[in-house]
Full PDB file with SEQRES, HELIX, SHEET, SSBOND, CRYST1, ORIGX, SCALE, CONECT and MASTER records, all heavy atoms in Angstrom:
SEQRES   1 A   34  ASP ALA THR TRP GLN VAL LEU THR SER VAL VAL PRO VAL          
SEQRES   2 A   34  PRO HIS HIS PRO GLU ILE ASP PRO ALA ALA ALA LEU SER          
SEQRES   3 A   34  THR LEU LEU GLY ALA ALA SER LEU                              
HELIX    1 AA1 PRO A   21  ALA A   32  1                                  12    
CRYST1    1.000    1.000    1.000  90.00  90.00  90.00 P 1           1          
ORIGX1      1.000000  0.000000  0.000000        0.00000                         
ORIGX2      0.000000  1.000000  0.000000        0.00000                         
ORIGX3      0.000000  0.000000  1.000000        0.00000                         
SCALE1      1.000000  0.000000  0.000000        0.00000                         
SCALE2      0.000000  1.000000  0.000000        0.00000                         
SCALE3      0.000000  0.000000  1.000000        0.00000                         
ATOM      1  N   ASP A   1       4.740 -32.397  -8.509  1.00  0.00           N  
ATOM      2  CA  ASP A   1       5.943 -32.699  -9.216  1.00  0.00           C  
ATOM      3  C   ASP A   1       6.336 -34.114  -8.657  1.00  0.00           C  
ATOM      4  O   ASP A   1       6.862 -34.214  -7.577  1.00  0.00           O  
ATOM      5  CB  ASP A   1       7.052 -31.705  -8.998  1.00  0.00           C  
ATOM      6  CG  ASP A   1       8.253 -31.980  -9.902  1.00  0.00           C  
ATOM      7  OD1 ASP A   1       8.031 -32.542 -10.916  1.00  0.00           O  
ATOM      8  OD2 ASP A   1       9.345 -31.593  -9.475  1.00  0.00           O  
ATOM      9  N   ALA A   2       6.113 -35.163  -9.488  1.00  0.00           N  
ATOM     10  CA  ALA A   2       6.192 -36.427  -8.963  1.00  0.00           C  
ATOM     11  C   ALA A   2       6.758 -37.448 -10.076  1.00  0.00           C  
ATOM     12  O   ALA A   2       6.392 -37.273 -11.181  1.00  0.00           O  
ATOM     13  CB  ALA A   2       4.944 -36.999  -8.351  1.00  0.00           C  
ATOM     14  N   THR A   3       7.494 -38.463  -9.584  1.00  0.00           N  
ATOM     15  CA  THR A   3       7.796 -39.581 -10.464  1.00  0.00           C  
ATOM     16  C   THR A   3       7.400 -40.843  -9.568  1.00  0.00           C  
ATOM     17  O   THR A   3       7.969 -41.007  -8.463  1.00  0.00           O  
ATOM     18  CB  THR A   3       9.262 -39.678 -10.778  1.00  0.00           C  
ATOM     19  OG1 THR A   3       9.617 -38.442 -11.471  1.00  0.00           O  
ATOM     20  CG2 THR A   3       9.628 -40.835 -11.598  1.00  0.00           C  
ATOM     21  N   TRP A   4       6.521 -41.651 -10.155  1.00  0.00           N  
ATOM     22  CA  TRP A   4       6.015 -42.761  -9.463  1.00  0.00           C  
ATOM     23  C   TRP A   4       6.412 -44.081 -10.208  1.00  0.00           C  
ATOM     24  O   TRP A   4       6.415 -44.075 -11.404  1.00  0.00           O  
ATOM     25  CB  TRP A   4       4.510 -42.742  -9.289  1.00  0.00           C  
ATOM     26  CG  TRP A   4       4.015 -41.633  -8.503  1.00  0.00           C  
ATOM     27  CD1 TRP A   4       4.646 -40.885  -7.530  1.00  0.00           C  
ATOM     28  CD2 TRP A   4       2.780 -40.930  -8.759  1.00  0.00           C  
ATOM     29  NE1 TRP A   4       3.760 -39.871  -7.076  1.00  0.00           N  
ATOM     30  CE2 TRP A   4       2.684 -39.840  -7.842  1.00  0.00           C  
ATOM     31  CE3 TRP A   4       1.670 -41.095  -9.659  1.00  0.00           C  
ATOM     32  CZ2 TRP A   4       1.551 -38.980  -7.840  1.00  0.00           C  
ATOM     33  CZ3 TRP A   4       0.625 -40.276  -9.610  1.00  0.00           C  
ATOM     34  CH2 TRP A   4       0.553 -39.249  -8.700  1.00  0.00           C  
ATOM     35  N   GLN A   5       6.627 -45.135  -9.507  1.00  0.00           N  
ATOM     36  CA  GLN A   5       6.930 -46.407 -10.117  1.00  0.00           C  
ATOM     37  C   GLN A   5       5.691 -47.305  -9.883  1.00  0.00           C  
ATOM     38  O   GLN A   5       5.274 -47.302  -8.741  1.00  0.00           O  
ATOM     39  CB  GLN A   5       8.143 -47.093  -9.474  1.00  0.00           C  
ATOM     40  CG  GLN A   5       9.444 -46.313  -9.680  1.00  0.00           C  
ATOM     41  CD  GLN A   5      10.572 -46.890  -9.055  1.00  0.00           C  
ATOM     42  OE1 GLN A   5      10.788 -48.127  -9.157  1.00  0.00           O  
ATOM     43  NE2 GLN A   5      11.367 -46.150  -8.381  1.00  0.00           N  
ATOM     44  N   VAL A   6       5.245 -48.008 -10.848  1.00  0.00           N  
ATOM     45  CA  VAL A   6       4.003 -48.851 -10.778  1.00  0.00           C  
ATOM     46  C   VAL A   6       4.274 -50.174 -11.402  1.00  0.00           C  
ATOM     47  O   VAL A   6       4.692 -50.170 -12.621  1.00  0.00           O  
ATOM     48  CB  VAL A   6       2.793 -48.161 -11.308  1.00  0.00           C  
ATOM     49  CG1 VAL A   6       1.537 -49.049 -11.211  1.00  0.00           C  
ATOM     50  CG2 VAL A   6       2.561 -46.815 -10.687  1.00  0.00           C  
ATOM     51  N   LEU A   7       3.981 -51.242 -10.716  1.00  0.00           N  
ATOM     52  CA  LEU A   7       4.181 -52.601 -11.211  1.00  0.00           C  
ATOM     53  C   LEU A   7       2.829 -53.250 -11.351  1.00  0.00           C  
ATOM     54  O   LEU A   7       1.941 -53.136 -10.464  1.00  0.00           O  
ATOM     55  CB  LEU A   7       5.000 -53.459 -10.280  1.00  0.00           C  
ATOM     56  CG  LEU A   7       5.238 -54.814 -10.625  1.00  0.00           C  
ATOM     57  CD1 LEU A   7       6.749 -55.201 -10.635  1.00  0.00           C  
ATOM     58  CD2 LEU A   7       4.530 -55.792  -9.635  1.00  0.00           C  
ATOM     59  N   THR A   8       2.549 -53.958 -12.481  1.00  0.00           N  
ATOM     60  CA  THR A   8       1.353 -54.680 -12.639  1.00  0.00           C  
ATOM     61  C   THR A   8       1.633 -56.179 -12.859  1.00  0.00           C  
ATOM     62  O   THR A   8       2.680 -56.456 -13.547  1.00  0.00           O  
ATOM     63  CB  THR A   8       0.373 -54.158 -13.811  1.00  0.00           C  
ATOM     64  OG1 THR A   8       1.186 -54.351 -14.967  1.00  0.00           O  
ATOM     65  CG2 THR A   8       0.101 -52.693 -13.614  1.00  0.00           C  
ATOM     66  N   SER A   9       0.858 -57.095 -12.226  1.00  0.00           N  
ATOM     67  CA  SER A   9       1.210 -58.458 -12.330  1.00  0.00           C  
ATOM     68  C   SER A   9      -0.022 -59.232 -12.189  1.00  0.00           C  
ATOM     69  O   SER A   9      -0.983 -58.870 -11.446  1.00  0.00           O  
ATOM     70  CB  SER A   9       2.222 -58.901 -11.238  1.00  0.00           C  
ATOM     71  OG  SER A   9       2.590 -60.172 -11.344  1.00  0.00           O  
ATOM     72  N   VAL A  10      -0.115 -60.418 -12.767  1.00  0.00           N  
ATOM     73  CA  VAL A  10      -1.261 -61.384 -12.413  1.00  0.00           C  
ATOM     74  C   VAL A  10      -0.710 -62.352 -11.463  1.00  0.00           C  
ATOM     75  O   VAL A  10       0.392 -63.012 -11.582  1.00  0.00           O  
ATOM     76  CB  VAL A  10      -1.731 -62.046 -13.683  1.00  0.00           C  
ATOM     77  CG1 VAL A  10      -2.674 -63.229 -13.373  1.00  0.00           C  
ATOM     78  CG2 VAL A  10      -2.327 -61.050 -14.679  1.00  0.00           C  
ATOM     79  N   VAL A  11      -1.411 -62.596 -10.332  1.00  0.00           N  
ATOM     80  CA  VAL A  11      -0.998 -63.497  -9.308  1.00  0.00           C  
ATOM     81  C   VAL A  11      -2.004 -64.488  -8.938  1.00  0.00           C  
ATOM     82  O   VAL A  11      -3.265 -64.243  -9.079  1.00  0.00           O  
ATOM     83  CB  VAL A  11      -0.580 -62.683  -8.048  1.00  0.00           C  
ATOM     84  CG1 VAL A  11       0.552 -61.698  -8.215  1.00  0.00           C  
ATOM     85  CG2 VAL A  11      -1.842 -61.885  -7.478  1.00  0.00           C  
ATOM     86  N   PRO A  12      -1.605 -65.745  -8.541  1.00  0.00           N  
ATOM     87  CA  PRO A  12      -2.592 -66.717  -8.174  1.00  0.00           C  
ATOM     88  C   PRO A  12      -3.271 -66.339  -6.865  1.00  0.00           C  
ATOM     89  O   PRO A  12      -2.648 -65.767  -5.955  1.00  0.00           O  
ATOM     90  CB  PRO A  12      -1.784 -67.998  -7.912  1.00  0.00           C  
ATOM     91  CG  PRO A  12      -0.361 -67.569  -7.756  1.00  0.00           C  
ATOM     92  CD  PRO A  12      -0.268 -66.154  -8.445  1.00  0.00           C  
ATOM     93  N   VAL A  13      -4.573 -66.664  -6.758  1.00  0.00           N  
ATOM     94  CA  VAL A  13      -5.294 -66.414  -5.477  1.00  0.00           C  
ATOM     95  C   VAL A  13      -5.932 -67.702  -5.010  1.00  0.00           C  
ATOM     96  O   VAL A  13      -6.620 -68.351  -5.753  1.00  0.00           O  
ATOM     97  CB  VAL A  13      -6.450 -65.337  -5.781  1.00  0.00           C  
ATOM     98  CG1 VAL A  13      -7.277 -65.138  -4.541  1.00  0.00           C  
ATOM     99  CG2 VAL A  13      -5.909 -63.982  -6.304  1.00  0.00           C  
ATOM    100  N   PRO A  14      -5.591 -68.072  -3.761  1.00  0.00           N  
ATOM    101  CA  PRO A  14      -6.201 -69.291  -3.243  1.00  0.00           C  
ATOM    102  C   PRO A  14      -7.671 -69.299  -3.284  1.00  0.00           C  
ATOM    103  O   PRO A  14      -8.253 -68.183  -3.093  1.00  0.00           O  
ATOM    104  CB  PRO A  14      -5.635 -69.388  -1.763  1.00  0.00           C  
ATOM    105  CG  PRO A  14      -4.472 -68.470  -1.743  1.00  0.00           C  
ATOM    106  CD  PRO A  14      -4.713 -67.441  -2.839  1.00  0.00           C  
ATOM    107  N   HIS A  15      -8.319 -70.372  -3.503  1.00  0.00           N  
ATOM    108  CA  HIS A  15      -9.802 -70.449  -3.565  1.00  0.00           C  
ATOM    109  C   HIS A  15     -10.338 -71.422  -2.562  1.00  0.00           C  
ATOM    110  O   HIS A  15      -9.847 -72.593  -2.505  1.00  0.00           O  
ATOM    111  CB  HIS A  15     -10.207 -70.842  -4.970  1.00  0.00           C  
ATOM    112  CG  HIS A  15     -11.665 -71.040  -5.125  1.00  0.00           C  
ATOM    113  ND1 HIS A  15     -12.553 -69.915  -5.088  1.00  0.00           N  
ATOM    114  CD2 HIS A  15     -12.481 -72.064  -5.239  1.00  0.00           C  
ATOM    115  CE1 HIS A  15     -13.707 -70.378  -5.271  1.00  0.00           C  
ATOM    116  NE2 HIS A  15     -13.724 -71.650  -5.346  1.00  0.00           N  
ATOM    117  N   HIS A  16     -11.403 -71.019  -1.827  1.00  0.00           N  
ATOM    118  CA  HIS A  16     -12.095 -71.909  -1.042  1.00  0.00           C  
ATOM    119  C   HIS A  16     -13.600 -71.388  -1.072  1.00  0.00           C  
ATOM    120  O   HIS A  16     -13.738 -70.200  -0.861  1.00  0.00           O  
ATOM    121  CB  HIS A  16     -11.597 -71.946   0.437  1.00  0.00           C  
ATOM    122  CG  HIS A  16     -12.293 -72.936   1.264  1.00  0.00           C  
ATOM    123  ND1 HIS A  16     -13.495 -72.791   1.819  1.00  0.00           N  
ATOM    124  CD2 HIS A  16     -11.793 -74.202   1.628  1.00  0.00           C  
ATOM    125  CE1 HIS A  16     -13.831 -73.873   2.552  1.00  0.00           C  
ATOM    126  NE2 HIS A  16     -12.826 -74.700   2.488  1.00  0.00           N  
ATOM    127  N   PRO A  17     -14.559 -72.254  -1.256  1.00  0.00           N  
ATOM    128  CA  PRO A  17     -15.921 -71.706  -1.478  1.00  0.00           C  
ATOM    129  C   PRO A  17     -16.492 -71.037  -0.207  1.00  0.00           C  
ATOM    130  O   PRO A  17     -17.413 -70.185  -0.412  1.00  0.00           O  
ATOM    131  CB  PRO A  17     -16.735 -73.081  -1.751  1.00  0.00           C  
ATOM    132  CG  PRO A  17     -15.875 -74.174  -1.383  1.00  0.00           C  
ATOM    133  CD  PRO A  17     -14.453 -73.715  -1.351  1.00  0.00           C  
ATOM    134  N   GLU A  18     -15.970 -71.215   0.938  1.00  0.00           N  
ATOM    135  CA  GLU A  18     -16.545 -70.567   2.093  1.00  0.00           C  
ATOM    136  C   GLU A  18     -15.781 -69.486   2.550  1.00  0.00           C  
ATOM    137  O   GLU A  18     -16.054 -68.733   3.625  1.00  0.00           O  
ATOM    138  CB  GLU A  18     -16.625 -71.630   3.231  1.00  0.00           C  
ATOM    139  CG  GLU A  18     -17.654 -72.746   2.910  1.00  0.00           C  
ATOM    140  CD  GLU A  18     -17.612 -73.782   3.921  1.00  0.00           C  
ATOM    141  OE1 GLU A  18     -17.289 -73.517   5.110  1.00  0.00           O  
ATOM    142  OE2 GLU A  18     -18.052 -74.953   3.678  1.00  0.00           O  
ATOM    143  N   ILE A  19     -14.735 -69.003   1.867  1.00  0.00           N  
ATOM    144  CA  ILE A  19     -13.886 -67.978   2.289  1.00  0.00           C  
ATOM    145  C   ILE A  19     -13.816 -66.837   1.257  1.00  0.00           C  
ATOM    146  O   ILE A  19     -13.607 -67.097   0.084  1.00  0.00           O  
ATOM    147  CB  ILE A  19     -12.439 -68.392   2.599  1.00  0.00           C  
ATOM    148  CG1 ILE A  19     -12.453 -69.347   3.747  1.00  0.00           C  
ATOM    149  CG2 ILE A  19     -11.504 -67.260   2.951  1.00  0.00           C  
ATOM    150  CD1 ILE A  19     -11.097 -69.954   4.108  1.00  0.00           C  
ATOM    151  N   ASP A  20     -14.093 -65.595   1.602  1.00  0.00           N  
ATOM    152  CA  ASP A  20     -13.998 -64.435   0.792  1.00  0.00           C  
ATOM    153  C   ASP A  20     -12.485 -63.998   0.760  1.00  0.00           C  
ATOM    154  O   ASP A  20     -11.990 -63.535   1.789  1.00  0.00           O  
ATOM    155  CB  ASP A  20     -14.960 -63.355   1.232  1.00  0.00           C  
ATOM    156  CG  ASP A  20     -14.737 -62.022   0.519  1.00  0.00           C  
ATOM    157  OD1 ASP A  20     -13.949 -62.019  -0.502  1.00  0.00           O  
ATOM    158  OD2 ASP A  20     -15.340 -60.988   0.862  1.00  0.00           O  
ATOM    159  N   PRO A  21     -11.825 -64.245  -0.303  1.00  0.00           N  
ATOM    160  CA  PRO A  21     -10.332 -63.916  -0.351  1.00  0.00           C  
ATOM    161  C   PRO A  21     -10.067 -62.418  -0.017  1.00  0.00           C  
ATOM    162  O   PRO A  21      -9.040 -62.069   0.568  1.00  0.00           O  
ATOM    163  CB  PRO A  21      -9.864 -64.272  -1.711  1.00  0.00           C  
ATOM    164  CG  PRO A  21     -11.090 -64.588  -2.549  1.00  0.00           C  
ATOM    165  CD  PRO A  21     -12.230 -64.718  -1.621  1.00  0.00           C  
ATOM    166  N   ALA A  22     -10.917 -61.518  -0.455  1.00  0.00           N  
ATOM    167  CA  ALA A  22     -10.769 -60.158  -0.222  1.00  0.00           C  
ATOM    168  C   ALA A  22     -10.787 -59.827   1.255  1.00  0.00           C  
ATOM    169  O   ALA A  22      -9.984 -59.097   1.795  1.00  0.00           O  
ATOM    170  CB  ALA A  22     -11.746 -59.294  -0.977  1.00  0.00           C  
ATOM    171  N   ALA A  23     -11.759 -60.400   1.950  1.00  0.00           N  
ATOM    172  CA  ALA A  23     -11.908 -60.183   3.451  1.00  0.00           C  
ATOM    173  C   ALA A  23     -10.736 -60.728   4.165  1.00  0.00           C  
ATOM    174  O   ALA A  23     -10.264 -60.198   5.136  1.00  0.00           O  
ATOM    175  CB  ALA A  23     -13.249 -60.708   3.930  1.00  0.00           C  
ATOM    176  N   ALA A  24     -10.354 -61.993   3.803  1.00  0.00           N  
ATOM    177  CA  ALA A  24      -9.234 -62.682   4.478  1.00  0.00           C  
ATOM    178  C   ALA A  24      -7.896 -61.895   4.228  1.00  0.00           C  
ATOM    179  O   ALA A  24      -7.229 -61.719   5.182  1.00  0.00           O  
ATOM    180  CB  ALA A  24      -9.092 -64.081   3.847  1.00  0.00           C  
ATOM    181  N   LEU A  25      -7.699 -61.439   3.024  1.00  0.00           N  
ATOM    182  CA  LEU A  25      -6.476 -60.706   2.791  1.00  0.00           C  
ATOM    183  C   LEU A  25      -6.476 -59.347   3.501  1.00  0.00           C  
ATOM    184  O   LEU A  25      -5.487 -58.977   4.092  1.00  0.00           O  
ATOM    185  CB  LEU A  25      -6.352 -60.503   1.298  1.00  0.00           C  
ATOM    186  CG  LEU A  25      -5.074 -59.774   0.795  1.00  0.00           C  
ATOM    187  CD1 LEU A  25      -3.879 -60.535   1.285  1.00  0.00           C  
ATOM    188  CD2 LEU A  25      -4.999 -59.575  -0.657  1.00  0.00           C  
ATOM    189  N   SER A  26      -7.639 -58.689   3.613  1.00  0.00           N  
ATOM    190  CA  SER A  26      -7.817 -57.453   4.353  1.00  0.00           C  
ATOM    191  C   SER A  26      -7.367 -57.661   5.800  1.00  0.00           C  
ATOM    192  O   SER A  26      -6.682 -56.816   6.405  1.00  0.00           O  
ATOM    193  CB  SER A  26      -9.185 -56.882   4.217  1.00  0.00           C  
ATOM    194  OG  SER A  26      -9.363 -55.814   5.067  1.00  0.00           O  
ATOM    195  N   THR A  27      -7.853 -58.719   6.405  1.00  0.00           N  
ATOM    196  CA  THR A  27      -7.560 -59.018   7.748  1.00  0.00           C  
ATOM    197  C   THR A  27      -6.131 -59.220   7.941  1.00  0.00           C  
ATOM    198  O   THR A  27      -5.455 -58.763   8.968  1.00  0.00           O  
ATOM    199  CB  THR A  27      -8.409 -60.185   8.269  1.00  0.00           C  
ATOM    200  OG1 THR A  27      -9.742 -59.944   8.141  1.00  0.00           O  
ATOM    201  CG2 THR A  27      -8.126 -60.558   9.739  1.00  0.00           C  
ATOM    202  N   LEU A  28      -5.464 -60.114   7.082  1.00  0.00           N  
ATOM    203  CA  LEU A  28      -4.133 -60.377   7.208  1.00  0.00           C  
ATOM    204  C   LEU A  28      -3.235 -59.117   7.077  1.00  0.00           C  
ATOM    205  O   LEU A  28      -2.283 -58.886   7.778  1.00  0.00           O  
ATOM    206  CB  LEU A  28      -3.670 -61.416   6.154  1.00  0.00           C  
ATOM    207  CG  LEU A  28      -4.155 -62.839   6.393  1.00  0.00           C  
ATOM    208  CD1 LEU A  28      -3.898 -63.644   5.122  1.00  0.00           C  
ATOM    209  CD2 LEU A  28      -3.544 -63.379   7.538  1.00  0.00           C  
ATOM    210  N   LEU A  29      -3.513 -58.229   6.034  1.00  0.00           N  
ATOM    211  CA  LEU A  29      -2.768 -57.112   5.788  1.00  0.00           C  
ATOM    212  C   LEU A  29      -2.909 -56.137   6.962  1.00  0.00           C  
ATOM    213  O   LEU A  29      -1.897 -55.493   7.392  1.00  0.00           O  
ATOM    214  CB  LEU A  29      -3.177 -56.380   4.488  1.00  0.00           C  
ATOM    215  CG  LEU A  29      -2.785 -57.076   3.263  1.00  0.00           C  
ATOM    216  CD1 LEU A  29      -3.449 -56.389   2.042  1.00  0.00           C  
ATOM    217  CD2 LEU A  29      -1.338 -57.182   3.074  1.00  0.00           C  
ATOM    218  N   GLY A  30      -4.102 -56.004   7.491  1.00  0.00           N  
ATOM    219  CA  GLY A  30      -4.325 -55.115   8.616  1.00  0.00           C  
ATOM    220  C   GLY A  30      -3.515 -55.553   9.932  1.00  0.00           C  
ATOM    221  O   GLY A  30      -2.986 -54.736  10.694  1.00  0.00           O  
ATOM    222  N   ALA A  31      -3.394 -56.803  10.097  1.00  0.00           N  
ATOM    223  CA  ALA A  31      -2.677 -57.371  11.192  1.00  0.00           C  
ATOM    224  C   ALA A  31      -1.168 -57.268  10.994  1.00  0.00           C  
ATOM    225  O   ALA A  31      -0.416 -57.121  11.947  1.00  0.00           O  
ATOM    226  CB  ALA A  31      -3.020 -58.802  11.488  1.00  0.00           C  
ATOM    227  N   ALA A  32      -0.682 -57.340   9.733  1.00  0.00           N  
ATOM    228  CA  ALA A  32       0.728 -57.289   9.434  1.00  0.00           C  
ATOM    229  C   ALA A  32       1.356 -55.952   9.605  1.00  0.00           C  
ATOM    230  O   ALA A  32       2.559 -55.816   9.903  1.00  0.00           O  
ATOM    231  CB  ALA A  32       1.005 -57.814   8.104  1.00  0.00           C  
ATOM    232  N   SER A  33       0.574 -54.939   9.404  1.00  0.00           N  
ATOM    233  CA  SER A  33       1.081 -53.597   9.541  1.00  0.00           C  
ATOM    234  C   SER A  33       0.012 -52.731  10.162  1.00  0.00           C  
ATOM    235  O   SER A  33      -1.003 -52.371   9.636  1.00  0.00           O  
ATOM    236  CB  SER A  33       1.434 -53.004   8.061  1.00  0.00           C  
ATOM    237  OG  SER A  33       1.838 -51.639   8.165  1.00  0.00           O  
ATOM    238  N   LEU A  34       0.380 -52.242  11.399  1.00  0.00           N  
ATOM    239  CA  LEU A  34      -0.480 -51.348  12.156  1.00  0.00           C  
ATOM    240  C   LEU A  34      -0.637 -50.002  11.556  1.00  0.00           C  
ATOM    241  O   LEU A  34      -1.540 -49.253  11.797  1.00  0.00           O  
ATOM    242  CB  LEU A  34      -0.100 -51.348  13.548  1.00  0.00           C  
ATOM    243  CG  LEU A  34      -0.081 -52.698  14.292  1.00  0.00           C  
ATOM    244  CD1 LEU A  34       0.463 -52.558  15.761  1.00  0.00           C  
ATOM    245  CD2 LEU A  34      -1.420 -53.326  14.283  1.00  0.00           C  
TER     246      LEU A  34                                                      
MASTER        0    0    0    1    0    0    0    6  245    1    0    3          
END                                                                             
């Protein structure tokens, strides 16, 4: 028995040819919240 709120959005993602944005974001998120 649940009521959930869900938001969808398109957001800009920085681009650099030598950086995987998914891996970089994963590292940042993991460090931000233990």
